[in-house]
Amino acid sequence: MQSRRITAAILALATAATLAACSDDDEDNPTGPTTDNTSVRLFNATSSSLNLDVAQNGTVGTGNSNVAFGSASSCTKINSTNPQLTVRTAGSTTSLTGFTPSFSAGGTYTVLVTGTAAAPVFTTLNDQFTTPSAGNAAVRIVNATTSATTGAGNWDIYVNPGTTLGTPNAIAVGRTTASSYLTVPAGQANTIRLTNAGQTTTLQNISVPSLTAGTVTTIVVTDAATAGGTTLQTFTLPACT
C-alpha cells in the first residue's frame, strides 16, 4: 500500500511538471497569441491599381482582403521576430515577391506598396511619433508618386504658407519616403503646400480638415488619377490605435 502511494505521488508530480513545461513552451512560442507585440498595416499605392490581400500565417483576416488602390488594410498585431505576413493579389494564394519586412518589438508600422504585381515595391514606414504639443496636431506626408508624375519627385513641404514662403518645414521628400510629422494647429483647417525641391512654385496645395489636438495623421500622395493629369491624389490615414 505504501509503495502504491509513493508511485501515485511521483506520477502526480511528473504530470504537474509536464503541464508546467507545456505552459512555458506556449509562452515562448513566437506565433502564440500572447507574443503579438507590434502593429502593422498595408497601404495600396500600386501603379497598376491591383487589389491586394494581406495574409498572416496563411489566413486573410477581417479588413485585410481585397484592399483597393488608395486604401489601407486593418492595423494587425504581429510578432516582430516572426510576423508571418505575406501580400497577395486579391483572391490568389501566391505571394508577391520581395516582401521581407523587418520590425522592432512594440512598434507601429505602415507598409507602402507601390509598383506592379510583377514588380512590387515594399517600403516600411515607422509610424512612431512624439505627441504634439498642447493645442496642436501633426501631419506626415508620404510621397507615393512614380515616374508617371512629371519632375524628379522630390518635394519641399510648407505648413500654412504665407505670401512669402520662408523656410520649408520638410525638404527633399523623395518617392517612397515620408516626411517627419509636421506640427499644425488643432481645431482649424490647415494647408500643406508641396513644391519641387529647391523651388517656390506651388506643385499642389493639400487641404487638411480640422484635427483634434494631440492626434497625428498620415497623408499619402499618389500620381494623378488620369495619365497626364496634374492634380495628385491624396488619401488620409489616422494613426493605428
Protein backbone atom coordinates (compact mmCIF):
# COMPACT_ATOMS: atom_id res chain seq x y z
CA MET A 1 0.00 0.00 0.00
CA GLN A 2 2.83 2.39 0.94
CA SER A 3 4.55 1.59 -2.39
CA ARG A 4 1.35 2.43 -4.32
CA ARG A 5 1.02 5.78 -2.52
CA ILE A 6 4.61 6.69 -3.35
CA THR A 7 4.11 5.73 -7.00
CA ALA A 8 0.93 7.79 -7.26
CA ALA A 9 2.68 10.80 -5.74
CA ILE A 10 5.57 10.51 -8.20
CA LEU A 11 3.14 10.29 -11.13
CA ALA A 12 1.26 13.39 -9.91
CA LEU A 13 4.48 15.37 -9.64
CA ALA A 14 5.59 14.24 -13.10
CA THR A 15 2.24 15.26 -14.60
CA ALA A 16 2.40 18.69 -12.97
CA ALA A 17 5.94 19.21 -14.26
CA THR A 18 4.89 18.21 -17.77
CA LEU A 19 1.97 20.63 -17.73
CA ALA A 20 4.19 23.43 -16.49
CA ALA A 21 6.69 22.72 -19.25
CA CYS A 22 3.93 22.80 -21.87
CA SER A 23 2.72 26.08 -20.45
CA ASP A 24 6.22 27.55 -20.66
CA ASP A 25 6.60 26.34 -24.24
CA ASP A 26 3.34 28.04 -25.19
CA GLU A 27 4.55 31.34 -23.78
CA ASP A 28 7.83 31.05 -25.70
CA ASN A 29 6.12 30.12 -28.96
CA PRO A 30 6.66 33.14 -31.27
CA THR A 31 3.38 32.51 -33.04
CA GLY A 32 1.32 32.31 -29.86
CA PRO A 33 -1.38 34.90 -29.18
CA THR A 34 0.49 36.36 -26.20
CA THR A 35 3.54 37.35 -28.27
CA ASP A 36 1.91 39.75 -30.75
CA ASN A 37 3.86 42.89 -29.87
CA THR A 38 3.80 45.05 -33.00
CA SER A 39 1.09 46.69 -35.12
CA VAL A 40 1.30 46.70 -38.93
CA ARG A 41 -0.96 47.89 -41.75
CA LEU A 42 -0.53 47.99 -45.51
CA PHE A 43 -1.35 50.86 -47.88
CA ASN A 44 -2.00 50.02 -51.53
CA ALA A 45 -0.44 52.60 -53.85
CA THR A 46 0.38 50.23 -56.71
CA SER A 47 0.63 51.88 -60.10
CA SER A 48 -1.44 49.15 -61.73
CA SER A 49 -4.24 49.63 -59.19
CA LEU A 50 -4.46 45.94 -58.34
CA ASN A 51 -6.33 44.84 -55.21
CA LEU A 52 -4.34 43.10 -52.50
CA ASP A 53 -4.83 40.56 -49.73
CA VAL A 54 -2.69 40.54 -46.59
CA ALA A 55 -2.29 37.11 -45.02
CA GLN A 56 -0.96 36.31 -41.56
CA ASN A 57 0.18 32.73 -41.12
CA GLY A 58 -1.72 31.91 -44.31
CA THR A 59 -5.02 33.44 -43.20
CA VAL A 60 -6.54 36.64 -44.59
CA GLY A 61 -8.24 38.32 -41.65
CA THR A 62 -11.10 40.80 -41.47
CA GLY A 63 -10.18 44.09 -43.11
CA ASN A 64 -7.16 42.58 -44.89
CA SER A 65 -8.83 41.27 -48.04
CA ASN A 66 -9.36 42.96 -51.40
CA VAL A 67 -7.52 46.13 -50.33
CA ALA A 68 -8.05 48.53 -53.23
CA PHE A 69 -5.76 51.22 -54.58
CA GLY A 70 -5.79 54.18 -52.19
CA SER A 71 -6.91 52.06 -49.24
CA ALA A 72 -5.27 50.60 -46.16
CA SER A 73 -5.63 47.22 -44.52
CA SER A 74 -6.57 46.82 -40.88
CA CYS A 75 -3.97 47.52 -38.21
CA THR A 76 -2.86 43.96 -37.45
CA LYS A 77 -0.97 42.74 -34.39
CA ILE A 78 2.01 40.55 -35.26
CA ASN A 79 5.11 39.12 -33.62
CA SER A 80 8.05 41.32 -34.61
CA THR A 81 10.56 38.47 -34.91
CA ASN A 82 8.23 36.12 -36.77
CA PRO A 83 5.48 38.20 -38.42
CA GLN A 84 4.38 35.51 -40.89
CA LEU A 85 2.93 38.20 -43.18
CA THR A 86 2.51 37.77 -46.93
CA VAL A 87 0.93 40.01 -49.56
CA ARG A 88 -1.03 38.57 -52.46
CA THR A 89 -3.07 39.68 -55.42
CA ALA A 90 -6.65 39.59 -54.13
CA GLY A 91 -8.13 36.10 -54.33
CA SER A 92 -4.77 34.47 -55.05
CA THR A 93 -2.76 32.12 -52.85
CA THR A 94 0.55 33.13 -54.44
CA SER A 95 2.55 35.72 -52.53
CA LEU A 96 4.03 38.75 -54.26
CA THR A 97 7.80 38.69 -54.39
CA GLY A 98 10.18 40.93 -52.47
CA PHE A 99 8.27 41.33 -49.21
CA THR A 100 10.83 40.77 -46.45
CA PRO A 101 9.75 43.14 -43.67
CA SER A 102 11.78 43.96 -40.58
CA PHE A 103 10.01 45.25 -37.48
CA SER A 104 11.00 46.17 -33.94
CA ALA A 105 9.07 44.99 -30.91
CA GLY A 106 6.47 47.43 -29.64
CA GLY A 107 6.45 49.43 -32.86
CA THR A 108 3.74 50.57 -35.25
CA TYR A 109 4.36 50.44 -39.00
CA THR A 110 2.76 51.20 -42.34
CA VAL A 111 3.92 49.13 -45.30
CA LEU A 112 3.60 51.16 -48.51
CA VAL A 113 3.14 49.04 -51.64
CA THR A 114 3.99 50.65 -54.97
CA GLY A 115 4.98 49.24 -58.36
CA THR A 116 3.05 46.47 -60.10
CA ALA A 117 2.05 42.86 -59.43
CA ALA A 118 5.06 41.73 -61.49
CA ALA A 119 7.46 44.15 -59.81
CA PRO A 120 6.07 45.31 -56.45
CA VAL A 121 7.98 47.67 -54.20
CA PHE A 122 7.51 47.40 -50.44
CA THR A 123 8.55 50.30 -48.21
CA THR A 124 8.24 50.00 -44.44
CA LEU A 125 7.45 53.31 -42.72
CA ASN A 126 7.92 53.65 -38.99
CA ASP A 127 4.80 55.30 -37.53
CA GLN A 128 6.46 56.23 -34.24
CA PHE A 129 5.75 59.83 -33.26
CA THR A 130 6.12 62.29 -30.43
CA THR A 131 2.78 63.51 -29.13
CA PRO A 132 2.18 67.03 -30.47
CA SER A 133 2.43 69.90 -28.01
CA ALA A 134 -0.70 71.33 -26.38
CA GLY A 135 -3.16 72.79 -28.87
CA ASN A 136 -1.51 71.13 -31.84
CA ALA A 137 -1.84 68.08 -34.07
CA ALA A 138 0.64 66.59 -36.55
CA VAL A 139 0.59 65.61 -40.21
CA ARG A 140 3.02 63.41 -42.15
CA ILE A 141 3.25 63.39 -45.96
CA VAL A 142 4.13 60.16 -47.79
CA ASN A 143 5.39 60.57 -51.36
CA ALA A 144 3.94 57.58 -53.20
CA THR A 145 4.28 59.00 -56.72
CA THR A 146 6.06 57.26 -59.57
CA SER A 147 7.86 58.38 -62.72
CA ALA A 148 4.40 58.88 -64.22
CA THR A 149 4.40 62.18 -62.33
CA THR A 150 6.43 64.92 -64.01
CA GLY A 151 9.58 66.02 -62.24
CA ALA A 152 12.28 64.47 -60.11
CA GLY A 153 9.74 63.56 -57.45
CA ASN A 154 11.48 65.35 -54.57
CA TRP A 155 9.33 67.80 -52.63
CA ASP A 156 9.75 70.62 -50.19
CA ILE A 157 6.79 70.92 -47.84
CA TYR A 158 5.33 74.04 -46.22
CA VAL A 159 2.72 74.21 -43.46
CA ASN A 160 0.18 77.05 -43.81
CA PRO A 161 2.39 79.04 -46.19
CA GLY A 162 2.15 82.82 -46.32
CA THR A 163 2.81 85.18 -49.19
CA THR A 164 6.49 84.72 -48.52
CA LEU A 165 7.21 81.01 -48.20
CA GLY A 166 10.25 81.25 -45.99
CA THR A 167 11.92 78.04 -44.86
CA PRO A 168 10.19 74.75 -45.73
CA ASN A 169 9.05 72.53 -42.87
CA ALA A 170 10.45 69.48 -44.67
CA ILE A 171 12.87 69.31 -47.59
CA ALA A 172 13.53 66.94 -50.50
CA VAL A 173 10.99 64.28 -49.56
CA GLY A 174 11.61 61.71 -52.29
CA ARG A 175 9.50 58.96 -53.75
CA THR A 176 8.57 56.08 -51.42
CA THR A 177 9.63 58.12 -48.41
CA ALA A 178 7.79 60.06 -45.72
CA SER A 179 8.32 63.43 -44.16
CA SER A 180 8.65 63.79 -40.43
CA TYR A 181 5.45 64.56 -38.53
CA LEU A 182 4.79 68.26 -39.07
CA THR A 183 3.07 70.31 -36.38
CA VAL A 184 -0.22 72.01 -37.34
CA PRO A 185 -2.66 73.99 -35.19
CA ALA A 186 -5.54 71.82 -33.96
CA GLY A 187 -9.18 72.85 -34.29
CA GLN A 188 -8.82 74.60 -37.64
CA ALA A 189 -8.34 73.78 -41.31
CA ASN A 190 -4.72 73.79 -42.45
CA THR A 191 -2.92 73.89 -45.78
CA ILE A 192 0.08 71.79 -46.73
CA ARG A 193 1.93 73.07 -49.80
CA LEU A 194 4.15 70.92 -52.00
CA THR A 195 6.82 72.41 -54.23
CA ASN A 196 9.55 70.72 -56.21
CA ALA A 197 12.68 70.65 -54.07
CA GLY A 198 14.55 73.93 -54.09
CA GLN A 199 11.74 75.75 -55.92
CA THR A 200 8.94 78.05 -54.77
CA THR A 201 6.31 77.42 -57.45
CA THR A 202 3.33 75.58 -55.98
CA LEU A 203 3.08 71.99 -57.12
CA GLN A 204 -0.07 71.34 -55.11
CA ASN A 205 -1.89 72.60 -52.04
CA ILE A 206 -3.38 69.93 -49.78
CA SER A 207 -6.31 70.98 -47.60
CA VAL A 208 -6.21 69.32 -44.19
CA PRO A 209 -9.52 69.37 -42.28
CA SER A 210 -9.59 70.37 -38.63
CA LEU A 211 -7.74 67.86 -36.44
CA THR A 212 -8.14 67.10 -32.75
CA ALA A 213 -5.31 68.28 -30.52
CA GLY A 214 -2.76 65.57 -29.76
CA THR A 215 -3.62 63.43 -32.80
CA VAL A 216 -1.43 62.51 -35.77
CA THR A 217 -2.44 61.86 -39.36
CA THR A 218 -0.65 60.47 -42.42
CA ILE A 219 -1.50 61.75 -45.90
CA VAL A 220 -0.39 59.52 -48.79
CA VAL A 221 0.09 61.36 -52.09
CA THR A 222 -0.05 59.34 -55.32
CA ASP A 223 0.00 60.03 -59.04
CA ALA A 224 -2.85 61.89 -60.72
CA ALA A 225 -5.97 59.82 -61.38
CA THR A 226 -5.58 60.14 -65.15
CA ALA A 227 -2.44 59.90 -67.27
CA GLY A 228 -1.02 63.33 -67.90
CA GLY A 229 -3.09 64.88 -65.10
CA THR A 230 -1.52 67.45 -62.81
CA THR A 231 -3.68 67.07 -59.70
CA LEU A 232 -2.13 64.49 -57.41
CA GLN A 233 -4.37 62.19 -55.39
CA THR A 234 -4.34 62.33 -51.59
CA PHE A 235 -5.50 59.73 -49.07
CA THR A 236 -5.73 60.30 -45.32
CA LEU A 237 -4.80 57.69 -42.71
CA PRO A 238 -5.39 58.19 -38.99
CA ALA A 239 -2.89 56.59 -36.63
CA CYS A 240 -3.35 52.95 -35.66
CA THR A 241 -4.77 52.63 -32.16
